[in-house]
């Protein structure tokens, strides 16, 4: 896994999460982000970001972290 690619995925996930914080309900925001990632990200991208979350996901925002945890359920 390329470190640069992972950095880009983290940045994109956090940006998508930031774009959905206007809702005011953390679970609803995370669901919107999870739906976006599920719909638009390639399987390899989702696998990489999920693996990163499993390793701690330190650089992910709380909404991004929650959303990635919801994917695949």
Protein backbone atom coordinates (compact mmCIF):
# COMPACT_ATOMS: atom_id res chain seq x y z
CA UNK A 1 0.00 0.00 0.00
CA UNK A 2 1.45 3.33 -1.05
CA UNK A 3 1.78 5.80 1.82
CA UNK A 4 0.99 8.72 -0.48
CA UNK A 5 -2.23 7.05 -1.60
CA UNK A 6 -3.27 6.40 2.00
CA UNK A 7 -2.56 10.05 2.88
CA UNK A 8 -4.83 11.09 -0.01
CA UNK A 9 -7.59 8.73 1.15
CA UNK A 10 -7.41 10.10 4.70
CA UNK A 11 -7.60 13.67 3.39
CA UNK A 12 -10.55 12.84 1.12
CA UNK A 13 -12.45 10.99 3.86
CA UNK A 14 -11.96 13.91 6.27
CA UNK A 15 -13.05 16.39 3.57
CA UNK A 16 -16.21 14.42 2.79
CA UNK A 17 -16.95 14.26 6.51
CA UNK A 18 -16.35 18.02 6.88
CA UNK A 19 -18.78 18.66 4.03
CA UNK A 20 -21.52 16.81 5.90
CA UNK A 21 -21.22 18.35 9.36
CA UNK A 22 -24.04 20.82 8.70
CA UNK A 23 -26.66 18.23 9.63
CA UNK A 24 -25.95 18.47 13.35
CA UNK A 25 -26.53 14.78 14.09
CA UNK A 26 -23.27 12.80 14.22
CA UNK A 27 -24.87 9.45 13.32
CA UNK A 28 -26.77 10.90 10.35
CA UNK A 29 -23.61 12.69 9.18
CA UNK A 30 -21.58 9.49 9.44
CA UNK A 31 -24.26 7.55 7.54
CA UNK A 32 -24.14 10.09 4.68
CA UNK A 33 -20.35 9.82 4.53
CA UNK A 34 -20.48 6.00 4.66
CA UNK A 35 -23.03 5.98 1.82
CA UNK A 36 -20.83 8.28 -0.26
CA UNK A 37 -17.72 6.14 0.27
CA UNK A 38 -19.64 2.94 -0.44
CA UNK A 39 -21.11 4.36 -3.64
CA UNK A 40 -18.16 6.24 -5.11
CA UNK A 41 -14.93 4.72 -3.79
CA UNK A 42 -13.27 1.72 -5.44
CA UNK A 43 -13.11 -1.45 -3.37
CA UNK A 44 -9.32 -1.07 -2.97
CA UNK A 45 -9.78 2.45 -1.57
CA UNK A 46 -12.40 1.26 0.92
CA UNK A 47 -10.20 -1.66 1.96
CA UNK A 48 -7.21 0.63 2.53
CA UNK A 49 -9.13 3.16 4.62
CA UNK A 50 -10.83 0.38 6.63
CA UNK A 51 -7.44 -1.21 7.32
CA UNK A 52 -6.13 2.19 8.41
CA UNK A 53 -9.07 2.56 10.80
CA UNK A 54 -8.37 -0.92 12.20
CA UNK A 55 -4.80 0.20 12.91
CA UNK A 56 -6.04 3.17 14.93
CA UNK A 57 -7.05 5.68 12.26
CA UNK A 58 -5.34 8.49 14.18
CA UNK A 59 -5.63 11.12 11.45
CA UNK A 60 -9.31 10.54 10.71
CA UNK A 61 -11.88 12.99 12.01
CA UNK A 62 -14.51 11.58 14.40
CA UNK A 63 -17.20 11.63 11.68
CA UNK A 64 -14.91 9.97 9.12
CA UNK A 65 -13.91 7.34 11.68
CA UNK A 66 -17.54 6.57 12.52
CA UNK A 67 -18.50 6.44 8.82
CA UNK A 68 -15.70 4.06 7.89
CA UNK A 69 -16.71 1.84 10.80
CA UNK A 70 -20.25 1.72 9.38
CA UNK A 71 -19.18 0.61 5.90
CA UNK A 72 -19.81 -2.98 5.01
CA UNK A 73 -22.37 -3.59 7.73
